């Protein structure tokens, strides 16, 4: 059975925003059995985030 996808578009240039994203990802863990989680960002994330989502899309260029 394929899962639906939760897409989170994040911009975390500082510690405060990284903490907000980390807390949000922890809250979403109860839905992981039904949904995959993809985080897309133009800023890199610390490796401790990676256990809280299934996919990560990083693009260092922010052409918008």
PDB file of N, CA and C in Angstrom:
ATOM      1  N   UNK A   1       0.848  -1.178   0.000  1.00  0.00           N
ATOM      2  CA  UNK A   1       0.000   0.000   0.000  1.00  0.00           C
ATOM      3  C   UNK A   1       0.894   1.242   0.000  1.00  0.00           C
ATOM      4  N   UNK A   2       0.623   2.156  -0.911  1.00  0.00           N
ATOM      5  CA  UNK A   2       1.411   3.387  -0.958  1.00  0.00           C
ATOM      6  C   UNK A   2       0.825   4.417   0.008  1.00  0.00           C
ATOM      7  N   UNK A   3       1.705   5.238   0.525  1.00  0.00           N
ATOM      8  CA  UNK A   3       1.298   6.247   1.495  1.00  0.00           C
ATOM      9  C   UNK A   3       1.116   7.592   0.825  1.00  0.00           C
ATOM     10  N   UNK A   4       0.295   8.414   1.432  1.00  0.00           N
ATOM     11  CA  UNK A   4       0.198   9.811   1.050  1.00  0.00           C
ATOM     12  C   UNK A   4       1.467  10.511   1.533  1.00  0.00           C
ATOM     13  N   UNK A   5       1.686  11.744   1.074  1.00  0.00           N
ATOM     14  CA  UNK A   5       2.910  12.467   1.399  1.00  0.00           C
ATOM     15  C   UNK A   5       2.587  13.788   2.077  1.00  0.00           C
ATOM     16  N   UNK A   6       3.291  14.063   3.159  1.00  0.00           N
ATOM     17  CA  UNK A   6       3.245  15.380   3.790  1.00  0.00           C
ATOM     18  C   UNK A   6       4.487  16.126   3.329  1.00  0.00           C
ATOM     19  N   UNK A   7       4.307  17.273   2.694  1.00  0.00           N
ATOM     20  CA  UNK A   7       5.417  18.092   2.202  1.00  0.00           C
ATOM     21  C   UNK A   7       5.589  19.293   3.119  1.00  0.00           C
ATOM     22  N   UNK A   8       6.795  19.456   3.629  1.00  0.00           N
ATOM     23  CA  UNK A   8       7.120  20.603   4.478  1.00  0.00           C
ATOM     24  C   UNK A   8       8.194  21.409   3.764  1.00  0.00           C
ATOM     25  N   UNK A   9       7.894  22.646   3.456  1.00  0.00           N
ATOM     26  CA  UNK A   9       8.865  23.545   2.848  1.00  0.00           C
ATOM     27  C   UNK A   9       9.427  24.394   3.977  1.00  0.00           C
ATOM     28  N   UNK A  10      10.733  24.302   4.175  1.00  0.00           N
ATOM     29  CA  UNK A  10      11.348  24.933   5.345  1.00  0.00           C
ATOM     30  C   UNK A  10      12.476  25.867   4.945  1.00  0.00           C
ATOM     31  N   UNK A  11      12.617  26.917   5.727  1.00  0.00           N
ATOM     32  CA  UNK A  11      13.752  27.826   5.630  1.00  0.00           C
ATOM     33  C   UNK A  11      14.234  28.043   7.058  1.00  0.00           C
ATOM     34  N   UNK A  12      15.381  27.480   7.380  1.00  0.00           N
ATOM     35  CA  UNK A  12      15.877  27.488   8.761  1.00  0.00           C
ATOM     36  C   UNK A  12      17.286  28.077   8.830  1.00  0.00           C
ATOM     37  N   UNK A  13      17.404  29.384   8.703  1.00  0.00           N
ATOM     38  CA  UNK A  13      18.735  30.000   8.702  1.00  0.00           C
ATOM     39  C   UNK A  13      19.348  30.176  10.086  1.00  0.00           C
ATOM     40  N   UNK A  14      18.543  29.950  11.142  1.00  0.00           N
ATOM     41  CA  UNK A  14      19.076  30.161  12.498  1.00  0.00           C
ATOM     42  C   UNK A  14      18.566  29.064  13.439  1.00  0.00           C
ATOM     43  N   UNK A  15      19.122  29.061  14.638  1.00  0.00           N
ATOM     44  CA  UNK A  15      18.818  28.019  15.623  1.00  0.00           C
ATOM     45  C   UNK A  15      17.339  28.008  16.016  1.00  0.00           C
ATOM     46  N   UNK A  16      16.752  29.190  16.170  1.00  0.00           N
ATOM     47  CA  UNK A  16      15.340  29.276  16.578  1.00  0.00           C
ATOM     48  C   UNK A  16      14.429  28.584  15.566  1.00  0.00           C
ATOM     49  N   UNK A  17      14.628  28.850  14.300  1.00  0.00           N
ATOM     50  CA  UNK A  17      13.777  28.222  13.282  1.00  0.00           C
ATOM     51  C   UNK A  17      14.035  26.724  13.170  1.00  0.00           C
ATOM     52  N   UNK A  18      15.280  26.313  13.365  1.00  0.00           N
ATOM     53  CA  UNK A  18      15.574  24.878  13.365  1.00  0.00           C
ATOM     54  C   UNK A  18      14.859  24.182  14.515  1.00  0.00           C
ATOM     55  N   UNK A  19      14.800  24.819  15.679  1.00  0.00           N
ATOM     56  CA  UNK A  19      14.091  24.236  16.820  1.00  0.00           C
ATOM     57  C   UNK A  19      12.596  24.129  16.544  1.00  0.00           C
ATOM     58  N   UNK A  20      12.033  25.135  15.897  1.00  0.00           N
ATOM     59  CA  UNK A  20      10.608  25.102  15.548  1.00  0.00           C
ATOM     60  C   UNK A  20      10.325  23.946  14.591  1.00  0.00           C
ATOM     61  N   UNK A  21      11.154  23.803  13.568  1.00  0.00           N
ATOM     62  CA  UNK A  21      10.976  22.704  12.621  1.00  0.00           C
ATOM     63  C   UNK A  21      11.136  21.355  13.322  1.00  0.00           C
ATOM     64  N   UNK A  22      12.146  21.229  14.173  1.00  0.00           N
ATOM     65  CA  UNK A  22      12.388  19.973  14.879  1.00  0.00           C
ATOM     66  C   UNK A  22      11.187  19.599  15.746  1.00  0.00           C
ATOM     67  N   UNK A  23      10.640  20.551  16.473  1.00  0.00           N
ATOM     68  CA  UNK A  23       9.454  20.292  17.296  1.00  0.00           C
ATOM     69  C   UNK A  23       8.259  19.884  16.443  1.00  0.00           C
ATOM     70  N   UNK A  24       8.096  20.539  15.305  1.00  0.00           N
ATOM     71  CA  UNK A  24       6.994  20.204  14.392  1.00  0.00           C
ATOM     72  C   UNK A  24       7.155  18.785  13.849  1.00  0.00           C
ATOM     73  N   UNK A  25       8.361  18.430  13.457  1.00  0.00           N
ATOM     74  CA  UNK A  25       8.603  17.079  12.952  1.00  0.00           C
ATOM     75  C   UNK A  25       8.329  16.024  14.022  1.00  0.00           C
ATOM     76  N   UNK A  26       8.677  16.308  15.246  1.00  0.00           N
ATOM     77  CA  UNK A  26       8.394  15.370  16.335  1.00  0.00           C
ATOM     78  C   UNK A  26       6.882  15.191  16.518  1.00  0.00           C
ATOM     79  N   UNK A  27       6.123  16.271  16.365  1.00  0.00           N
ATOM     80  CA  UNK A  27       4.671  16.175  16.501  1.00  0.00           C
ATOM     81  C   UNK A  27       4.050  15.344  15.378  1.00  0.00           C
ATOM     82  N   UNK A  28       4.669  15.358  14.208  1.00  0.00           N
ATOM     83  CA  UNK A  28       4.132  14.616  13.063  1.00  0.00           C
ATOM     84  C   UNK A  28       4.403  13.119  13.125  1.00  0.00           C
ATOM     85  N   UNK A  29       5.203  12.660  14.051  1.00  0.00           N
ATOM     86  CA  UNK A  29       5.592  11.254  14.098  1.00  0.00           C
ATOM     87  C   UNK A  29       4.404  10.315  14.270  1.00  0.00           C
ATOM     88  N   UNK A  30       3.350  10.764  14.899  1.00  0.00           N
ATOM     89  CA  UNK A  30       2.173   9.914  15.090  1.00  0.00           C
ATOM     90  C   UNK A  30       1.480   9.577  13.775  1.00  0.00           C
ATOM     91  N   UNK A  31       1.798  10.308  12.700  1.00  0.00           N
ATOM     92  CA  UNK A  31       1.162  10.085  11.401  1.00  0.00           C
ATOM     93  C   UNK A  31       2.027   9.274  10.444  1.00  0.00           C
ATOM     94  N   UNK A  32       3.226   8.869  10.868  1.00  0.00           N
ATOM     95  CA  UNK A  32       4.173   8.223   9.951  1.00  0.00           C
ATOM     96  C   UNK A  32       3.693   6.871   9.438  1.00  0.00           C
ATOM     97  N   UNK A  33       2.800   6.227  10.142  1.00  0.00           N
ATOM     98  CA  UNK A  33       2.305   4.943   9.635  1.00  0.00           C
ATOM     99  C   UNK A  33       1.400   5.140   8.415  1.00  0.00           C
ATOM    100  N   UNK A  34       0.801   6.318   8.276  1.00  0.00           N
ATOM    101  CA  UNK A  34      -0.099   6.591   7.154  1.00  0.00           C
ATOM    102  C   UNK A  34       0.496   7.526   6.110  1.00  0.00           C
ATOM    103  N   UNK A  35       1.497   8.308   6.483  1.00  0.00           N
ATOM    104  CA  UNK A  35       2.069   9.311   5.590  1.00  0.00           C
ATOM    105  C   UNK A  35       3.595   9.245   5.592  1.00  0.00           C
ATOM    106  N   UNK A  36       4.182   9.480   4.431  1.00  0.00           N
ATOM    107  CA  UNK A  36       5.611   9.755   4.352  1.00  0.00           C
ATOM    108  C   UNK A  36       5.801  11.257   4.514  1.00  0.00           C
ATOM    109  N   UNK A  37       6.952  11.651   4.995  1.00  0.00           N
ATOM    110  CA  UNK A  37       7.238  13.071   5.226  1.00  0.00           C
ATOM    111  C   UNK A  37       8.423  13.476   4.369  1.00  0.00           C
ATOM    112  N   UNK A  38       8.240  14.532   3.579  1.00  0.00           N
ATOM    113  CA  UNK A  38       9.299  15.090   2.765  1.00  0.00           C
ATOM    114  C   UNK A  38       9.547  16.516   3.230  1.00  0.00           C
ATOM    115  N   UNK A  39      10.811  16.840   3.485  1.00  0.00           N
ATOM    116  CA  UNK A  39      11.199  18.204   3.838  1.00  0.00           C
ATOM    117  C   UNK A  39      12.009  18.753   2.675  1.00  0.00           C
ATOM    118  N   UNK A  40      11.631  19.931   2.186  1.00  0.00           N
ATOM    119  CA  UNK A  40      12.358  20.623   1.118  1.00  0.00           C
ATOM    120  C   UNK A  40      12.898  21.924   1.689  1.00  0.00           C
ATOM    121  N   UNK A  41      14.183  22.194   1.396  1.00  0.00           N
ATOM    122  CA  UNK A  41      14.799  23.368   1.992  1.00  0.00           C
ATOM    123  C   UNK A  41      15.935  23.896   1.129  1.00  0.00           C
ATOM    124  N   UNK A  42      16.192  25.197   1.250  1.00  0.00           N
ATOM    125  CA  UNK A  42      17.370  25.827   0.646  1.00  0.00           C
ATOM    126  C   UNK A  42      18.472  25.993   1.679  1.00  0.00           C
ATOM    127  N   UNK A  43      18.201  25.590   2.916  1.00  0.00           N
ATOM    128  CA  UNK A  43      19.213  25.639   3.965  1.00  0.00           C
ATOM    129  C   UNK A  43      19.469  24.215   4.442  1.00  0.00           C
ATOM    130  N   UNK A  44      20.724  23.860   4.685  1.00  0.00           N
ATOM    131  CA  UNK A  44      21.017  22.502   5.148  1.00  0.00           C
ATOM    132  C   UNK A  44      20.491  22.261   6.561  1.00  0.00           C
ATOM    133  N   UNK A  45      20.213  20.993   6.861  1.00  0.00           N
ATOM    134  CA  UNK A  45      19.744  20.615   8.192  1.00  0.00           C
ATOM    135  C   UNK A  45      20.762  19.697   8.852  1.00  0.00           C
ATOM    136  N   UNK A  46      20.786  19.708  10.159  1.00  0.00           N
ATOM    137  CA  UNK A  46      21.667  18.835  10.922  1.00  0.00           C
ATOM    138  C   UNK A  46      21.205  17.381  10.772  1.00  0.00           C
ATOM    139  N   UNK A  47      22.137  16.460  10.907  1.00  0.00           N
ATOM    140  CA  UNK A  47      21.805  15.040  10.714  1.00  0.00           C
ATOM    141  C   UNK A  47      20.808  14.508  11.737  1.00  0.00           C
ATOM    142  N   UNK A  48      20.688  15.142  12.900  1.00  0.00           N
ATOM    143  CA  UNK A  48      19.727  14.653  13.894  1.00  0.00           C
ATOM    144  C   UNK A  48      18.275  14.820  13.429  1.00  0.00           C
ATOM    145  N   UNK A  49      18.018  15.608  12.395  1.00  0.00           N
ATOM    146  CA  UNK A  49      16.674  15.760  11.830  1.00  0.00           C
ATOM    147  C   UNK A  49      16.266  14.542  11.007  1.00  0.00           C
ATOM    148  N   UNK A  50      17.228  13.852  10.435  1.00  0.00           N
ATOM    149  CA  UNK A  50      16.954  12.890   9.381  1.00  0.00           C
ATOM    150  C   UNK A  50      16.138  11.679   9.828  1.00  0.00           C
ATOM    151  N   UNK A  51      16.111  11.359  11.084  1.00  0.00           N
ATOM    152  CA  UNK A  51      15.291  10.230  11.523  1.00  0.00           C
ATOM    153  C   UNK A  51      13.805  10.598  11.625  1.00  0.00           C
ATOM    154  N   UNK A  52      13.483  11.868  11.464  1.00  0.00           N
ATOM    155  CA  UNK A  52      12.111  12.336  11.621  1.00  0.00           C
ATOM    156  C   UNK A  52      11.376  12.556  10.302  1.00  0.00           C
ATOM    157  N   UNK A  53      12.026  12.301   9.178  1.00  0.00           N
ATOM    158  CA  UNK A  53      11.341  12.368   7.887  1.00  0.00           C
ATOM    159  C   UNK A  53      11.866  11.274   6.981  1.00  0.00           C
ATOM    160  N   UNK A  54      11.121  11.040   5.894  1.00  0.00           N
ATOM    161  CA  UNK A  54      11.474   9.963   4.968  1.00  0.00           C
ATOM    162  C   UNK A  54      12.313  10.461   3.797  1.00  0.00           C
ATOM    163  N   UNK A  55      12.088  11.694   3.390  1.00  0.00           N
ATOM    164  CA  UNK A  55      12.773  12.250   2.229  1.00  0.00           C
ATOM    165  C   UNK A  55      13.210  13.677   2.525  1.00  0.00           C
ATOM    166  N   UNK A  56      14.332  14.064   1.920  1.00  0.00           N
ATOM    167  CA  UNK A  56      14.836  15.427   2.080  1.00  0.00           C
ATOM    168  C   UNK A  56      15.293  15.927   0.727  1.00  0.00           C
ATOM    169  N   UNK A  57      14.759  17.064   0.322  1.00  0.00           N
ATOM    170  CA  UNK A  57      15.171  17.713  -0.922  1.00  0.00           C
ATOM    171  C   UNK A  57      15.887  19.002  -0.565  1.00  0.00           C
ATOM    172  N   UNK A  58      17.139  19.074  -0.942  1.00  0.00           N
ATOM    173  CA  UNK A  58      17.947  20.262  -0.635  1.00  0.00           C
ATOM    174  C   UNK A  58      18.437  20.862  -1.938  1.00  0.00           C
ATOM    175  N   UNK A  59      18.234  22.162  -2.077  1.00  0.00           N
ATOM    176  CA  UNK A  59      18.736  22.903  -3.237  1.00  0.00           C
ATOM    177  C   UNK A  59      19.401  24.154  -2.709  1.00  0.00           C
ATOM    178  N   UNK A  60      20.718  24.241  -2.844  1.00  0.00           N
ATOM    179  CA  UNK A  60      21.427  25.391  -2.293  1.00  0.00           C
ATOM    180  C   UNK A  60      21.133  26.686  -3.029  1.00  0.00           C
ATOM    181  N   UNK A  61      20.587  26.600  -4.231  1.00  0.00           N
ATOM    182  CA  UNK A  61      20.248  27.794  -5.002  1.00  0.00           C
ATOM    183  C   UNK A  61      18.805  28.188  -4.754  1.00  0.00           C
ATOM    184  N   UNK A  62      18.607  29.414  -4.376  1.00  0.00           N
ATOM    185  CA  UNK A  62      17.253  29.923  -4.152  1.00  0.00           C
ATOM    186  C   UNK A  62      17.006  31.002  -5.207  1.00  0.00           C
ATOM    187  N   UNK A  63      16.570  30.563  -6.381  1.00  0.00           N
ATOM    188  CA  UNK A  63      16.453  31.485  -7.502  1.00  0.00           C
ATOM    189  C   UNK A  63      15.169  32.306  -7.511  1.00  0.00           C
ATOM    190  N   UNK A  64      14.301  32.042  -6.563  1.00  0.00           N
ATOM    191  CA  UNK A  64      13.039  32.782  -6.513  1.00  0.00           C
ATOM    192  C   UNK A  64      13.275  34.168  -5.938  1.00  0.00           C
TER     193      UNK A  64
END
